[in-house]
Structures are given as C-alpha cells and as structure tokens.
C-alpha cells in the first residue's frame, strides 16, 4: 500500500480527484495493531531525483512522522531500489531502469506515459 496524507491532499487541492470507494479497510500496523480506515484513493505520479516517474493509486491515510507520502510494497516492487538502512538512503539500483524491467525489449510503455500526463504530480519530497 502506498499512502498520501489528507493534509497533502488539501494543500495540493487533490480532493476533487479523490475516489471514495464507500467501504472500510482493515490495516495491520508494524506493532500488529489494527485500524479500520475508509478506502479513499487518489492517483498520483511521484517524481523523485534519479528515479523513473511512479504512478499509482495512493490510499488517503494519516501518514506517520509528519510526512506527506508513505511508499509501500507497490513502490518497492516497481522500482526495486537499493536501500542503505544505516545511512537511510534510497537510490535506484545500479544498471537498471525501472520502466524497462516490466516492459519487453523494443516496446515502450505508452499506457504509463499517458497515465502520468493525466495524473496529479508529486514533486520535491523530503528525504526520510
């Protein structure tokens, strides 16, 4: 699950793009606590330095530690980054272009490009 804070949605006037799925979702947190949240999503394209643009439906949810965006397994599986847990740095895997990993050689992923042109964009995220 990728998430975006309600405050970020307000600050960037994204509420008109938020889809309310009219059903609850049970989320299990790291400490095995569970919480129920309404399923509201917004499609965003995320731009991070040295990474390919990333487009996905982000769950509108309170994001911990005063951050705006929560990147989860969908982002990790798509970008396959190198993560240095000691220095808390995330960077693209050397020699791999994330867009090319899921696209057969010689074919461009036109659908992803079209989605990103029609999707609100997130730029300038703070480091964790």
Protein backbone atom coordinates (compact mmCIF):
# COMPACT_ATOMS: atom_id res chain seq x y z
CA UNK A 1 0.00 0.00 0.00
CA UNK A 2 1.18 3.50 -0.86
CA UNK A 3 -0.36 6.34 1.11
CA UNK A 4 -0.79 10.10 0.96
CA UNK A 5 -1.80 12.31 3.89
CA UNK A 6 -5.11 14.19 3.92
CA UNK A 7 -3.12 17.35 4.67
CA UNK A 8 -1.12 16.88 1.46
CA UNK A 9 -4.36 16.38 -0.48
CA UNK A 10 -5.72 19.63 0.96
CA UNK A 11 -2.52 21.63 0.41
CA UNK A 12 -2.34 20.48 -3.21
CA UNK A 13 -6.08 20.70 -3.97
CA UNK A 14 -6.36 16.98 -4.72
CA UNK A 15 -9.72 16.29 -3.07
CA UNK A 16 -11.61 16.69 -6.36
CA UNK A 17 -9.55 13.74 -7.67
CA UNK A 18 -10.07 11.52 -4.61
CA UNK A 19 -12.25 8.45 -5.20
CA UNK A 20 -14.35 7.30 -2.22
CA UNK A 21 -14.82 3.54 -2.55
CA UNK A 22 -17.52 3.55 0.17
CA UNK A 23 -16.09 0.64 2.12
CA UNK A 24 -13.72 0.23 5.06
CA UNK A 25 -10.28 -1.37 5.01
CA UNK A 26 -8.56 -3.04 7.97
CA UNK A 27 -4.86 -2.20 8.14
CA UNK A 28 -2.33 -4.03 10.31
CA UNK A 29 0.42 -1.75 11.56
CA UNK A 30 4.02 -2.68 12.38
CA UNK A 31 3.23 -3.33 16.06
CA UNK A 32 0.46 -5.75 14.97
CA UNK A 33 -2.15 -3.17 15.89
CA UNK A 34 -5.09 -2.95 13.53
CA UNK A 35 -7.11 0.05 12.46
CA UNK A 36 -10.06 0.48 10.14
CA UNK A 37 -9.95 3.29 7.60
CA UNK A 38 -12.31 4.32 4.82
CA UNK A 39 -10.97 3.44 1.38
CA UNK A 40 -10.32 6.73 -0.39
CA UNK A 41 -7.69 6.81 -3.13
CA UNK A 42 -6.12 9.34 -5.44
CA UNK A 43 -3.96 8.55 -8.44
CA UNK A 44 -0.62 10.37 -8.28
CA UNK A 45 2.57 10.43 -10.26
CA UNK A 46 5.58 10.64 -7.98
CA UNK A 47 8.82 12.21 -9.19
CA UNK A 48 11.99 11.53 -7.21
CA UNK A 49 15.50 12.51 -8.24
CA UNK A 50 17.24 9.71 -10.18
CA UNK A 51 14.09 7.53 -10.29
CA UNK A 52 11.64 6.97 -13.12
CA UNK A 53 8.21 8.59 -12.54
CA UNK A 54 5.95 6.32 -10.48
CA UNK A 55 2.16 6.36 -10.94
CA UNK A 56 -0.22 4.54 -8.60
CA UNK A 57 -3.44 4.88 -6.63
CA UNK A 58 -2.44 6.18 -3.19
CA UNK A 59 -4.64 5.49 -0.16
CA UNK A 60 -5.58 8.72 1.62
CA UNK A 61 -4.48 7.98 5.18
CA UNK A 62 -2.73 9.65 8.10
CA UNK A 63 0.98 9.24 7.39
CA UNK A 64 3.23 8.86 10.45
CA UNK A 65 6.13 11.08 11.49
CA UNK A 66 4.74 14.25 9.94
CA UNK A 67 5.39 13.06 6.37
CA UNK A 68 3.23 13.50 3.27
CA UNK A 69 3.78 10.25 1.39
CA UNK A 70 4.10 6.62 2.50
CA UNK A 71 5.75 4.36 -0.06
CA UNK A 72 4.95 0.70 0.44
CA UNK A 73 5.40 -2.64 -1.30
CA UNK A 74 3.86 -1.50 -4.62
CA UNK A 75 6.58 1.17 -4.94
CA UNK A 76 9.32 -1.19 -3.75
CA UNK A 77 8.28 -3.92 -6.21
CA UNK A 78 8.06 -1.46 -9.09
CA UNK A 79 11.29 0.48 -8.51
CA UNK A 80 13.42 -2.24 -6.87
CA UNK A 81 15.65 0.38 -5.18
CA UNK A 82 18.90 -0.08 -3.32
CA UNK A 83 18.24 0.75 0.33
CA UNK A 84 21.03 1.53 2.78
CA UNK A 85 19.43 1.08 6.19
CA UNK A 86 22.47 2.51 8.02
CA UNK A 87 22.62 5.83 6.16
CA UNK A 88 18.85 5.85 5.49
CA UNK A 89 19.41 6.47 1.78
CA UNK A 90 17.33 5.10 -1.07
CA UNK A 91 18.64 5.14 -4.62
CA UNK A 92 17.92 3.42 -7.93
CA UNK A 93 19.53 0.04 -8.40
CA UNK A 94 22.70 0.48 -10.45
CA UNK A 95 22.30 -0.50 -14.10
CA UNK A 96 18.53 -0.92 -14.01
CA UNK A 97 15.89 1.36 -15.42
CA UNK A 98 12.65 0.58 -13.53
CA UNK A 99 10.49 1.31 -16.59
CA UNK A 100 12.40 -1.24 -18.63
CA UNK A 101 12.14 -4.01 -16.02
CA UNK A 102 8.47 -4.67 -16.74
CA UNK A 103 8.47 -3.80 -20.45
CA UNK A 104 9.62 -6.25 -23.15
CA UNK A 105 12.69 -5.09 -25.12
CA UNK A 106 11.84 -2.79 -28.03
CA UNK A 107 8.44 -1.80 -26.63
CA UNK A 108 7.71 1.40 -24.77
CA UNK A 109 5.09 1.51 -22.06
CA UNK A 110 2.76 4.11 -23.62
CA UNK A 111 -0.01 3.46 -21.09
CA UNK A 112 2.17 4.59 -18.18
CA UNK A 113 3.15 7.76 -20.08
CA UNK A 114 -0.50 8.61 -20.79
CA UNK A 115 -1.48 7.97 -17.17
CA UNK A 116 1.25 10.28 -15.90
CA UNK A 117 0.12 13.10 -18.21
CA UNK A 118 -3.42 12.94 -16.77
CA UNK A 119 -2.44 12.39 -13.15
CA UNK A 120 -1.63 14.94 -10.42
CA UNK A 121 2.11 15.12 -9.87
CA UNK A 122 4.07 14.98 -6.63
CA UNK A 123 7.50 16.63 -6.69
CA UNK A 124 10.16 17.64 -4.19
CA UNK A 125 9.64 15.06 -1.47
CA UNK A 126 11.74 15.31 1.67
CA UNK A 127 14.24 12.59 2.50
CA UNK A 128 13.34 10.27 5.35
